[in-house]
Amino acid sequence: MKIPTHRAERVSAPAGSVEFDADVLVLGGGPAGTWAAVSAAERGARVVLADKGFCGTSGATAAAGTGVWYIDPDPASREAAMANREKLGGYLQDRRWMARVLDGTYQQSNRLADWGYPYPLDDRGRSQRNSLQGPEYMRLMRKRTKQAGVTILDHSPALELLVDDGGAVAGASGVRRQKHDRWTVRAKAVVIATGGCAFLSKTLGSNVLTGDGYLMAAEVGAEFSSMEFSNPYAISPAFGSVTKTLFYGWATFSYEDGGVVSGAASKGGRSAIARALLQGPVYARLDKADDDVQHQMRVSQPNFFLPFDRTGIDPFRDRFPVTLRLEGTVRGTGGLRIVDDSCATSVPGLYAAGDAATRELICGGFTGGGSHNAAWAMSSGTWAGQGAADYAGQLGTAIGRKLSSAGTIAFRSRSRRAFEPAVLARAAQDEVYPYELNYFREASRLQGAMARLDAAWLDVSEADAASEANVLRAREAAAMLATARWMYRSALARPESRGMHRRDDFPDQDDRQRHYVTTGGLDEVWTSVRPHADAAYAEAAE
């Protein structure tokens, strides 16, 4: 296929800013964002992509290797792949969407091979397409994005969306961190591909993932879904940020006195580790890996060993302290609710892809690192880009649309009280980091956290506008706070344990609650229940 070279039109800009006109604006430069940009450009759209970091190197994928939910188009294999995760996800998946994603991921993974991605070969010379190395993958995606004619704005985080008089999303504005000025893109459609929210928990590649897209979308009235499934914690060395957990299957976990942590090596071992950490330090040693396994580990995931090599620790022979780092919605399933096959949100002109969008339709209430997430990024990014381009084409020239900024928190001058981003970020972290609040949930503890979060939101909503130097950090902190409130309000609305959502006061899964929890709002957070896809299909057929 000949790749089109439509470039966004540069227009005159006022002093201190740069402006662009485009058909589609993509916010985020990870896998979902780059697939969206390429797909929109291939539809003939003029596309701008704005990345918070450097497109191709920032985000969770670029720093790691990842599995991919890539299944050959054999009916039995596809059926087994879909059935394999249904129980784990609390039976909230939608088989139609799972099949769509399997088809989309198969196609896009094969395109990567055509583009030159160096997939490894097995002993029989067959290309193995069920995993990707982040650096090579994202380097290739940046190259293809540029070749597609997309205008890339690096180090240019978005701050707020633009809307027209009818409430449709019509662009965004942000800052260019290296130029020390602002940017504005007027677009007919916007794709939110800014990733999830890891609450600055020091997980590798996640410092740019603070829920910024959520906040911007909420300010224009977008809805969220499955935000209660947002409490995954990953094992990490206490002195490092690498949260690859596969190798801990060869570990022995122990208390400070050397006693073995009971249950830590079982399937649900993370819960045992979390409870042990509530009592004191926990240590690990990868003493179950023989010489051959150790070699394979170093070859397959070399960055896992970087923090050990730097500190002189041999993880196979030395005990080392571990912790559990919150990965939030980056490895949860909650996010912006999508309302149709094009990954449109509940707001006209706004689309969502990757970790910014809910993955409930293919993961239900549970996911993890890579695999389904990587497949979802490829597929949803493609559909969102195509959907946004088609929407822009239907909109026509849109001459004379009057646009306004939708940003609220950190932009409105309401008092002389200073906006303190670091204090606000800490307030959110204090409520989502503790295992006894977020990992092991219970009504009274959740209600206490909600009361404190709501009070913090009220306080910040009455604060003065942030200074130019602080506005990005202020928006990040506000996004984390808002995300925590959607998470916990949704958790209270699901009085059962399902998927990764665990309630100490409701430890069992309740068959009557096989539904989705929708949430939204800023000053007033609300929740509602939507039927599971099976029920919705049955109702439509009647």
Protein backbone atom coordinates (compact mmCIF):
# COMPACT_ATOMS: atom_id res chain seq x y z
CA MET A 1 0.00 0.00 0.00
CA LYS A 2 1.26 3.46 -0.89
CA ILE A 3 1.38 5.52 2.31
CA PRO A 4 -0.21 8.97 1.90
CA THR A 5 1.77 12.02 2.85
CA HIS A 6 -0.91 14.42 4.07
CA ARG A 7 0.65 16.81 6.56
CA ALA A 8 -1.11 19.07 9.02
CA GLU A 9 -1.29 22.63 7.79
CA ARG A 10 0.84 25.09 9.70
CA VAL A 11 -1.05 28.32 10.29
CA SER A 12 -0.11 31.69 11.69
CA ALA A 13 0.27 31.66 15.45
CA PRO A 14 0.16 34.38 18.06
CA ALA A 15 3.37 35.29 19.86
CA GLY A 16 4.56 32.61 22.24
CA SER A 17 2.62 29.73 20.68
CA VAL A 18 2.40 27.56 17.59
CA GLU A 19 -0.84 26.50 15.91
CA PHE A 20 -1.86 23.75 13.52
CA ASP A 21 -5.01 22.79 11.66
CA ALA A 22 -5.60 19.06 11.23
CA ASP A 23 -8.32 16.53 10.58
CA VAL A 24 -7.25 14.27 13.44
CA LEU A 25 -5.21 15.01 16.54
CA VAL A 26 -3.75 12.03 18.43
CA LEU A 27 -2.70 12.60 22.03
CA GLY A 28 -0.05 10.07 23.03
CA GLY A 29 2.83 8.47 21.17
CA GLY A 30 2.90 4.91 22.49
CA PRO A 31 1.66 1.85 20.57
CA ALA A 32 -2.00 2.89 20.56
CA GLY A 33 -1.20 6.47 19.59
CA THR A 34 1.12 5.58 16.73
CA TRP A 35 -1.26 2.96 15.35
CA ALA A 36 -4.06 5.55 15.53
CA ALA A 37 -1.97 8.16 13.74
CA VAL A 38 -0.86 5.80 10.97
CA SER A 39 -4.39 4.45 10.50
CA ALA A 40 -5.93 7.93 10.31
CA ALA A 41 -3.29 9.06 7.81
CA GLU A 42 -3.93 6.00 5.67
CA ARG A 43 -7.57 7.12 5.50
CA GLY A 44 -6.35 10.38 3.93
CA ALA A 45 -6.56 12.52 7.08
CA ARG A 46 -4.12 15.28 8.01
CA VAL A 47 -2.81 14.11 11.37
CA VAL A 48 -0.92 15.67 14.25
CA LEU A 49 0.41 13.50 17.09
CA ALA A 50 1.40 15.19 20.36
CA ASP A 51 3.46 13.14 22.81
CA LYS A 52 4.23 13.99 26.40
CA GLY A 53 7.72 12.58 25.92
CA PHE A 54 9.64 11.64 22.78
CA CYS A 55 7.41 9.51 20.58
CA GLY A 56 9.00 6.09 20.32
CA THR A 57 10.86 6.14 23.64
CA SER A 58 8.38 7.25 26.31
CA GLY A 59 5.74 5.14 28.03
CA ALA A 60 5.45 1.64 29.45
CA THR A 61 5.97 -0.31 26.21
CA ALA A 62 9.11 1.46 24.99
CA ALA A 63 11.07 0.45 28.08
CA ALA A 64 10.24 -3.25 28.08
CA GLY A 65 9.53 -6.43 26.22
CA THR A 66 5.89 -7.42 25.96
CA GLY A 67 3.88 -10.48 25.09
CA VAL A 68 1.15 -10.12 22.46
CA TRP A 69 -2.22 -11.90 22.30
CA TYR A 70 -1.40 -13.25 18.83
CA ILE A 71 -3.30 -16.41 17.89
CA ASP A 72 -3.29 -18.11 14.50
CA PRO A 73 -6.73 -18.03 12.82
CA ASP A 74 -7.57 -21.59 13.79
CA PRO A 75 -11.11 -21.80 15.27
CA ALA A 76 -10.12 -24.20 18.04
CA SER A 77 -7.08 -22.12 19.02
CA ARG A 78 -9.12 -18.92 19.01
CA GLU A 79 -11.85 -20.52 21.11
CA ALA A 80 -9.32 -21.77 23.65
CA ALA A 81 -7.65 -18.34 23.80
CA MET A 82 -10.94 -16.62 24.55
CA ALA A 83 -12.12 -19.20 27.08
CA ASN A 84 -8.76 -19.25 28.87
CA ARG A 85 -9.18 -15.85 30.50
CA GLU A 86 -12.92 -15.67 31.09
CA LYS A 87 -12.95 -17.06 34.61
CA LEU A 88 -9.99 -14.90 35.62
CA GLY A 89 -11.79 -11.80 34.32
CA GLY A 90 -15.02 -12.57 36.14
CA TYR A 91 -16.90 -13.44 32.93
CA LEU A 92 -17.24 -9.80 31.94
CA GLN A 93 -15.59 -10.19 28.54
CA ASP A 94 -17.49 -9.81 25.27
CA ARG A 95 -16.77 -12.66 22.84
CA ARG A 96 -17.52 -10.48 19.79
CA TRP A 97 -14.92 -7.93 20.84
CA MET A 98 -12.43 -10.63 21.76
CA ALA A 99 -12.74 -12.09 18.26
CA ARG A 100 -12.36 -8.62 16.71
CA VAL A 101 -9.18 -7.99 18.68
CA LEU A 102 -7.72 -11.37 17.78
CA ASP A 103 -8.38 -10.62 14.12
CA GLY A 104 -6.99 -7.08 14.38
CA THR A 105 -3.88 -8.12 16.27
CA TYR A 106 -3.16 -10.91 13.82
CA GLN A 107 -3.37 -8.48 10.91
CA GLN A 108 -1.31 -5.74 12.52
CA SER A 109 1.38 -8.08 13.82
CA ASN A 110 1.77 -9.39 10.29
CA ARG A 111 2.06 -5.82 9.04
CA LEU A 112 4.88 -5.27 11.51
CA ALA A 113 6.68 -8.19 9.91
CA ASP A 114 6.13 -6.67 6.46
CA TRP A 115 7.53 -3.38 7.77
CA GLY A 116 10.68 -5.13 8.92
CA TYR A 117 10.17 -5.90 12.60
CA PRO A 118 12.80 -8.57 13.47
CA TYR A 119 10.60 -11.34 14.84
CA PRO A 120 12.64 -14.32 16.08
CA LEU A 121 12.39 -17.71 14.40
CA ASP A 122 11.67 -21.03 16.09
CA ASP A 123 13.61 -24.25 15.49
CA ARG A 124 11.63 -24.87 12.31
CA GLY A 125 12.24 -21.41 10.94
CA ARG A 126 8.75 -20.06 11.65
CA SER A 127 8.35 -16.44 12.69
CA GLN A 128 7.27 -16.10 16.34
CA ARG A 129 4.89 -13.15 16.55
CA ASN A 130 3.57 -13.44 20.09
CA SER A 131 6.02 -11.01 21.67
CA LEU A 132 7.69 -7.69 20.93
CA GLN A 133 10.77 -5.92 22.22
CA GLY A 134 9.64 -2.43 23.16
CA PRO A 135 12.64 -0.42 21.90
CA GLU A 136 12.63 -2.02 18.44
CA TYR A 137 8.83 -1.98 18.21
CA MET A 138 8.46 1.69 19.10
CA ARG A 139 11.42 2.76 16.98
CA LEU A 140 9.68 1.16 14.01
CA MET A 141 6.32 2.72 14.90
CA ARG A 142 7.85 6.20 15.05
CA LYS A 143 9.42 5.61 11.65
CA ARG A 144 6.13 4.47 10.13
CA THR A 145 4.28 7.38 11.72
CA LYS A 146 6.65 9.87 10.15
CA GLN A 147 6.49 8.06 6.79
CA ALA A 148 2.71 8.33 6.92
CA GLY A 149 3.08 12.11 6.89
CA VAL A 150 2.03 12.65 10.49
CA THR A 151 3.27 15.82 12.16
CA ILE A 152 4.85 14.75 15.47
CA LEU A 153 5.09 17.17 18.40
CA ASP A 154 7.62 15.66 20.82
CA HIS A 155 7.88 16.71 24.46
CA SER A 156 4.51 18.40 24.01
CA PRO A 157 2.02 17.26 26.69
CA ALA A 158 -1.59 18.24 26.15
CA LEU A 159 -3.24 20.27 28.90
CA GLU A 160 -6.84 20.69 27.79
CA LEU A 161 -9.27 19.90 25.00
CA LEU A 162 -11.04 22.39 22.75
CA VAL A 163 -14.78 22.14 22.06
CA ASP A 164 -17.16 23.80 19.63
CA ASP A 165 -20.47 25.45 20.45
CA GLY A 166 -22.26 22.12 20.26
CA GLY A 167 -19.92 20.45 22.75
CA ALA A 168 -18.07 18.35 20.19
CA VAL A 169 -14.32 17.98 20.72
CA ALA A 170 -12.39 20.07 18.21
CA GLY A 171 -8.72 19.97 19.17
CA ALA A 172 -6.47 20.54 22.14
CA SER A 173 -3.72 22.75 23.48
CA GLY A 174 -0.65 22.09 25.53
CA VAL A 175 2.94 23.04 26.20
CA ARG A 176 6.17 22.45 24.31
CA ARG A 177 8.53 21.69 27.16
CA GLN A 178 11.76 22.19 25.26
CA LYS A 179 10.56 25.35 23.49
CA HIS A 180 9.01 26.84 26.64
CA ASP A 181 5.87 27.87 24.80
CA ARG A 182 2.36 26.61 24.01
CA TRP A 183 0.83 24.69 21.12
CA THR A 184 -2.73 24.56 19.81
CA VAL A 185 -4.15 22.09 17.30
CA ARG A 186 -7.59 22.72 15.82
CA ALA A 187 -8.87 19.33 14.70
CA LYS A 188 -12.12 17.74 13.62
CA ALA A 189 -11.56 14.72 15.87
CA VAL A 190 -9.25 13.79 18.73
CA VAL A 191 -7.94 10.39 19.81
CA ILE A 192 -7.02 10.04 23.48
CA ALA A 193 -4.13 7.56 23.64
CA THR A 194 -2.36 8.99 26.67
CA GLY A 195 -2.17 5.71 28.57
CA GLY A 196 -3.49 4.95 32.03
CA CYS A 197 -2.60 6.23 35.47
CA ALA A 198 0.15 4.66 37.60
CA PHE A 199 0.18 7.48 40.17
CA LEU A 200 3.92 8.18 39.82
CA SER A 201 4.60 4.93 41.66
CA LYS A 202 8.09 4.55 40.13
CA THR A 203 7.17 1.71 37.79
CA LEU A 204 9.44 1.57 34.75
CA GLY A 205 8.26 3.79 31.90
CA SER A 206 5.23 5.10 33.79
CA ASN A 207 6.28 8.60 34.86
CA VAL A 208 4.36 10.02 31.89
CA LEU A 209 1.26 7.99 32.78
CA THR A 210 -0.66 10.16 35.24
CA GLY A 211 -4.20 9.99 33.84
CA ASP A 212 -3.94 13.29 31.94
CA GLY A 213 -6.23 12.09 29.15
CA TYR A 214 -8.84 11.03 31.68
CA LEU A 215 -9.00 14.50 33.19
CA MET A 216 -9.27 16.22 29.83
CA ALA A 217 -11.99 13.81 28.71
CA ALA A 218 -13.95 14.20 31.94
CA GLU A 219 -13.94 17.96 31.52
CA VAL A 220 -15.94 17.54 28.30
CA GLY A 221 -18.32 15.02 29.88
CA ALA A 222 -16.81 11.67 28.87
CA GLU A 223 -17.75 8.55 30.81
CA PHE A 224 -15.54 5.82 32.27
CA SER A 225 -16.12 2.13 32.81
CA SER A 226 -14.70 -0.64 35.00
CA MET A 227 -12.61 1.79 37.04
CA GLU A 228 -12.92 -0.52 40.05
CA PHE A 229 -10.55 -2.92 38.27
CA SER A 230 -7.59 -0.64 38.84
CA ASN A 231 -5.60 -2.08 41.72
CA PRO A 232 -2.88 -4.31 40.26
CA TYR A 233 0.43 -4.24 42.12
CA ALA A 234 3.61 -5.60 40.57
CA ILE A 235 6.58 -7.15 42.37
CA SER A 236 9.70 -5.03 42.12
CA PRO A 237 13.05 -4.83 43.87
CA ALA A 238 12.62 -2.25 46.62
CA PHE A 239 15.56 -0.35 45.13
CA GLY A 240 14.42 -0.50 41.48
CA SER A 241 11.58 0.32 39.11
CA VAL A 242 11.47 -2.83 36.94
CA THR A 243 8.10 -4.52 37.47
CA LYS A 244 8.57 -7.63 35.35
CA THR A 245 7.11 -10.39 37.51
CA LEU A 246 7.51 -13.57 35.44
CA PHE A 247 10.87 -14.51 36.95
CA TYR A 248 9.51 -14.41 40.50
CA GLY A 249 7.93 -17.76 39.74
CA TRP A 250 11.44 -19.12 40.51
CA ALA A 251 11.73 -17.19 43.78
CA THR A 252 11.53 -18.00 47.45
CA PHE A 253 10.04 -15.16 49.50
CA SER A 254 10.99 -14.69 53.13
CA TYR A 255 10.56 -12.41 56.11
CA GLU A 256 13.46 -10.45 57.58
CA ASP A 257 14.23 -13.31 59.99
CA GLY A 258 14.49 -15.77 57.10
CA GLY A 259 11.13 -17.45 57.61
CA VAL A 260 9.36 -18.36 54.35
CA VAL A 261 6.27 -16.29 53.46
CA SER A 262 3.53 -18.88 53.30
CA GLY A 263 1.56 -18.87 50.04
CA ALA A 264 3.86 -16.43 48.24
CA ALA A 265 4.82 -19.01 45.62
CA SER A 266 1.21 -20.00 44.89
CA LYS A 267 -1.03 -18.72 42.09
CA GLY A 268 -2.43 -15.98 44.34
CA GLY A 269 0.95 -15.28 45.89
CA ARG A 270 0.81 -11.53 45.47
CA SER A 271 -1.87 -11.31 48.15
CA ALA A 272 0.38 -13.21 50.55
CA ILE A 273 3.26 -10.86 49.76
CA ALA A 274 1.05 -7.81 50.32
CA ARG A 275 -0.11 -9.08 53.71
CA ALA A 276 3.48 -9.87 54.66
CA LEU A 277 4.59 -6.36 53.66
CA LEU A 278 1.99 -4.94 56.04
CA GLN A 279 3.99 -6.62 58.83
CA GLY A 280 7.50 -5.68 57.70
CA PRO A 281 10.17 -6.15 55.00
CA VAL A 282 9.91 -9.04 52.55
CA TYR A 283 12.86 -10.54 50.67
CA ALA A 284 13.20 -12.71 47.57
CA ARG A 285 15.84 -14.92 46.02
CA LEU A 286 15.53 -16.58 42.60
CA ASP A 287 16.96 -19.79 43.98
CA LYS A 288 14.72 -22.18 42.02
CA ALA A 289 16.29 -21.31 38.65
CA ASP A 290 18.99 -23.70 37.45
CA ASP A 291 21.96 -22.59 35.33
CA ASP A 292 20.13 -23.05 32.04
CA VAL A 293 17.07 -21.08 33.21
CA GLN A 294 19.32 -18.33 34.55
CA HIS A 295 20.94 -18.00 31.14
CA GLN A 296 17.57 -17.89 29.37
CA MET A 297 16.36 -15.23 31.81
CA ARG A 298 19.27 -12.93 31.06
CA VAL A 299 18.87 -13.38 27.31
CA SER A 300 15.10 -12.84 27.24
CA GLN A 301 14.78 -9.89 29.66
CA PRO A 302 18.16 -8.24 30.20
CA ASN A 303 16.73 -5.06 31.72
CA PHE A 304 15.28 -7.10 34.59
CA PHE A 305 18.84 -7.51 35.86
CA LEU A 306 20.02 -3.91 35.52
CA PRO A 307 19.16 -2.82 39.09
CA PHE A 308 20.85 -5.94 40.48
CA ASP A 309 24.00 -5.53 38.40
CA ARG A 310 24.25 -1.88 39.40
CA THR A 311 24.03 -2.69 43.10
CA GLY A 312 26.25 -5.78 43.03
CA ILE A 313 23.45 -8.18 43.99
CA ASP A 314 23.25 -11.67 42.52
CA PRO A 315 19.47 -12.32 42.58
CA PHE A 316 19.99 -16.07 42.22
CA ARG A 317 22.14 -16.34 45.37
CA ASP A 318 21.52 -13.18 47.42
CA ARG A 319 18.35 -12.20 49.21
CA PHE A 320 17.08 -8.80 48.15
CA PRO A 321 14.19 -6.66 49.45
CA VAL A 322 11.05 -6.48 47.33
CA THR A 323 7.99 -4.28 47.27
CA LEU A 324 4.70 -4.12 45.38
CA ARG A 325 4.33 -1.08 43.13
CA LEU A 326 0.89 0.12 42.13
CA GLU A 327 0.29 0.00 38.39
CA GLY A 328 -3.24 1.42 38.55
CA THR A 329 -5.14 1.57 35.29
CA VAL A 330 -1.97 0.92 33.26
CA ARG A 331 -2.36 -2.75 34.15
CA GLY A 332 -5.98 -2.56 35.24
CA THR A 333 -8.90 -2.74 32.83
CA GLY A 334 -10.71 0.53 33.53
CA GLY A 335 -10.68 3.60 31.32
CA LEU A 336 -12.77 5.74 29.00
CA ARG A 337 -15.97 4.02 27.95
CA ILE A 338 -16.19 3.33 24.23
CA VAL A 339 -19.64 3.25 22.68
CA ASP A 340 -19.17 1.65 19.26
CA ASP A 341 -16.81 -0.37 17.08
CA SER A 342 -14.84 2.75 16.09
CA CYS A 343 -13.73 3.28 19.71
CA ALA A 344 -15.73 6.51 19.95
CA THR A 345 -16.36 7.78 23.47
CA SER A 346 -19.64 9.20 24.77
CA VAL A 347 -18.59 12.68 23.52
CA PRO A 348 -18.82 13.58 19.80
CA GLY A 349 -15.45 13.93 18.13
CA LEU A 350 -13.55 12.13 20.92
CA TYR A 351 -12.06 8.64 20.53
CA ALA A 352 -10.03 6.49 22.93
CA ALA A 353 -7.43 3.78 22.45
CA GLY A 354 -4.95 1.66 24.38
CA ASP A 355 -4.70 1.92 28.15
CA ALA A 356 -6.69 5.17 28.10
CA ALA A 357 -9.75 3.16 27.00
CA THR A 358 -11.45 0.48 29.05
CA ARG A 359 -10.31 -3.06 28.20
CA GLU A 360 -13.30 -4.68 29.89
CA LEU A 361 -14.59 -6.02 26.56
CA ILE A 362 -11.61 -8.35 26.10
CA CYS A 363 -10.22 -8.65 29.64
CA GLY A 364 -13.25 -8.39 31.90
CA GLY A 365 -12.06 -7.57 35.40
CA PHE A 366 -8.47 -8.75 35.10
CA THR A 367 -5.45 -8.16 32.91
CA GLY A 368 -1.72 -7.87 33.45
CA GLY A 369 1.48 -6.87 31.72
CA GLY A 370 1.57 -7.18 27.94
CA SER A 371 -0.40 -9.80 26.03
CA HIS A 372 -4.02 -8.56 25.96
CA ASN A 373 -2.92 -4.97 26.62
CA ALA A 374 -0.51 -5.02 23.68
CA ALA A 375 -3.16 -6.58 21.44
CA TRP A 376 -5.71 -4.00 22.56
CA ALA A 377 -3.29 -1.14 21.83
CA MET A 378 -2.75 -2.35 18.27
CA SER A 379 -6.41 -3.02 17.54
CA SER A 380 -8.09 -0.14 19.36
CA GLY A 381 -5.47 2.28 18.06
CA THR A 382 -6.23 1.20 14.50
CA TRP A 383 -10.00 1.45 14.94
CA ALA A 384 -9.85 4.78 16.78
CA GLY A 385 -7.64 6.31 14.09
CA GLN A 386 -9.90 5.07 11.33
CA GLY A 387 -13.02 6.16 13.21
CA ALA A 388 -11.64 9.62 13.88
CA ALA A 389 -10.62 10.04 10.23
CA ASP A 390 -14.05 8.96 9.02
CA TYR A 391 -15.76 11.32 11.48
CA ALA A 392 -13.53 14.18 10.28
CA GLY A 393 -14.39 13.36 6.67
CA GLN A 394 -18.12 13.46 7.40
CA LEU A 395 -17.73 16.77 9.21
CA GLY A 396 -16.47 18.45 6.05
CA THR A 397 -14.68 21.76 6.15
CA ALA A 398 -16.26 22.89 9.44
CA ILE A 399 -15.58 26.49 8.50
CA GLY A 400 -16.43 29.04 11.14
CA ARG A 401 -16.63 26.73 14.12
CA LYS A 402 -16.14 28.79 17.24
CA LEU A 403 -13.86 26.93 19.65
CA SER A 404 -13.35 27.31 23.38
CA SER A 405 -11.03 25.75 25.96
CA ALA A 406 -12.51 23.05 28.18
CA GLY A 407 -9.87 23.00 30.91
CA THR A 408 -10.98 23.67 34.48
CA ILE A 409 -8.67 22.68 37.33
CA ALA A 410 -5.43 24.73 37.41
CA PHE A 411 -6.80 27.21 34.85
CA ARG A 412 -9.46 29.08 36.79
CA SER A 413 -8.60 31.91 39.17
CA ARG A 414 -10.90 31.53 42.15
CA SER A 415 -8.93 32.61 45.20
CA ARG A 416 -5.52 33.65 46.36
CA ARG A 417 -4.74 30.18 47.66
CA ALA A 418 -1.68 28.85 45.86
CA PHE A 419 -1.91 25.66 43.79
CA GLU A 420 0.60 23.14 45.19
CA PRO A 421 1.00 20.23 42.74
CA ALA A 422 3.38 18.18 44.91
CA VAL A 423 1.04 18.36 47.91
CA LEU A 424 -1.93 17.35 45.78
CA ALA A 425 -0.09 14.43 44.17
CA ARG A 426 0.95 13.17 47.59
CA ALA A 427 -2.64 13.40 48.80
CA ALA A 428 -3.74 11.10 45.97
CA GLN A 429 -0.85 8.68 46.50
CA ASP A 430 -1.54 8.45 50.22
CA GLU A 431 -4.98 7.03 49.42
CA VAL A 432 -4.09 4.63 46.58
CA TYR A 433 -0.70 3.21 47.55
CA PRO A 434 -1.61 1.47 50.85
CA TYR A 435 -2.45 -2.21 50.42
CA GLU A 436 -5.07 -2.05 53.17
CA LEU A 437 -6.99 0.60 51.20
CA ASN A 438 -6.59 -0.38 47.57
CA TYR A 439 -5.48 -4.01 47.39
CA PHE A 440 -7.68 -5.33 50.21
CA ARG A 441 -10.79 -3.21 49.93
CA GLU A 442 -13.55 -2.80 52.49
CA ALA A 443 -16.49 -0.38 52.67
CA SER A 444 -15.52 1.68 55.70
CA ARG A 445 -11.90 2.05 54.53
CA LEU A 446 -13.02 2.98 51.01
CA GLN A 447 -15.50 5.51 52.38
CA GLY A 448 -12.82 7.08 54.55
CA ALA A 449 -10.49 7.37 51.56
CA MET A 450 -13.28 8.83 49.43
CA ALA A 451 -14.05 11.46 52.05
CA ARG A 452 -10.42 12.55 52.13
CA LEU A 453 -10.15 12.54 48.33
CA ASP A 454 -13.36 14.53 47.95
CA ALA A 455 -12.10 17.07 50.47
CA ALA A 456 -8.84 17.39 48.55
CA TRP A 457 -10.76 17.89 45.31
CA LEU A 458 -12.93 20.59 46.86
CA ASP A 459 -9.81 22.31 48.14
CA VAL A 460 -8.02 22.26 44.79
CA SER A 461 -11.11 23.28 42.84
CA GLU A 462 -11.15 26.48 44.88
CA ALA A 463 -7.44 27.18 44.47
CA ASP A 464 -5.96 29.83 42.21
CA ALA A 465 -4.81 29.02 38.69
CA ALA A 466 -1.42 27.35 38.53
CA SER A 467 1.57 29.34 37.34
CA GLU A 468 2.97 28.72 33.88
CA ALA A 469 5.89 26.85 35.44
CA ASN A 470 3.57 24.61 37.48
CA VAL A 471 0.63 24.07 35.16
CA LEU A 472 1.74 20.67 33.81
CA ARG A 473 2.46 19.26 37.27
CA ALA A 474 -0.79 20.75 38.54
CA ARG A 475 -2.79 19.03 35.82
CA GLU A 476 -0.99 15.72 36.46
CA ALA A 477 -1.76 15.90 40.17
CA ALA A 478 -5.39 16.80 39.52
CA ALA A 479 -5.68 13.89 37.07
CA MET A 480 -4.33 11.44 39.66
CA LEU A 481 -6.75 12.74 42.26
CA ALA A 482 -9.70 12.49 39.87
CA THR A 483 -8.70 8.96 38.84
CA ALA A 484 -8.55 7.84 42.47
CA ARG A 485 -12.06 9.16 43.06
CA TRP A 486 -13.49 7.31 40.03
CA MET A 487 -11.71 4.15 41.15
CA TYR A 488 -13.01 4.15 44.68
CA ARG A 489 -16.54 5.28 43.86
CA SER A 490 -16.75 2.39 41.40
CA ALA A 491 -15.24 0.00 43.96
CA LEU A 492 -17.96 0.95 46.44
CA ALA A 493 -20.57 0.37 43.73
CA ARG A 494 -19.43 -3.25 43.31
CA PRO A 495 -20.03 -5.04 46.64
CA GLU A 496 -18.41 -8.33 45.62
CA SER A 497 -14.99 -9.71 44.67
CA ARG A 498 -14.52 -10.16 40.93
CA GLY A 499 -11.39 -10.12 38.78
CA MET A 500 -8.70 -8.02 40.46
CA HIS A 501 -11.29 -6.16 42.55
CA ARG A 502 -11.14 -7.70 46.04
CA ARG A 503 -13.50 -6.79 48.84
CA ASP A 504 -12.65 -8.10 52.32
CA ASP A 505 -16.28 -7.49 53.32
CA PHE A 506 -17.64 -9.26 50.19
CA PRO A 507 -15.06 -11.98 49.46
CA ASP A 508 -17.19 -13.94 46.97
CA GLN A 509 -18.22 -13.32 43.38
CA ASP A 510 -21.94 -12.54 43.08
CA ASP A 511 -23.56 -13.85 39.89
CA ARG A 512 -26.17 -11.10 40.12
CA GLN A 513 -23.46 -8.49 39.59
CA ARG A 514 -22.30 -9.61 36.17
CA HIS A 515 -22.53 -6.06 34.88
CA TYR A 516 -20.37 -3.02 34.21
CA VAL A 517 -20.02 0.01 36.46
CA THR A 518 -19.99 3.34 34.64
CA THR A 519 -18.68 6.45 36.34
CA GLY A 520 -17.90 10.07 35.61
CA GLY A 521 -18.07 13.60 36.91
CA LEU A 522 -15.54 15.86 38.58
CA ASP A 523 -17.02 17.96 41.36
CA GLU A 524 -19.69 15.28 41.86
CA VAL A 525 -18.60 11.75 41.00
CA TRP A 526 -21.46 9.46 39.98
CA THR A 527 -21.84 5.77 39.15
CA SER A 528 -24.42 3.69 37.30
CA VAL A 529 -24.78 0.07 36.20
CA ARG A 530 -24.81 -1.17 32.60
CA PRO A 531 -25.78 -4.73 31.64
CA HIS A 532 -23.17 -7.18 30.44
CA ALA A 533 -23.00 -7.63 26.69
CA ASP A 534 -24.81 -10.98 26.78
CA ALA A 535 -27.79 -9.37 28.49
CA ALA A 536 -27.73 -6.38 26.16
CA TYR A 537 -27.68 -8.64 23.08
CA ALA A 538 -30.57 -10.72 24.43
CA GLU A 539 -32.61 -7.58 25.11
CA ALA A 540 -31.93 -6.25 21.61
CA ALA A 541 -33.04 -9.54 20.06
CA GLU A 542 -36.41 -9.51 21.81
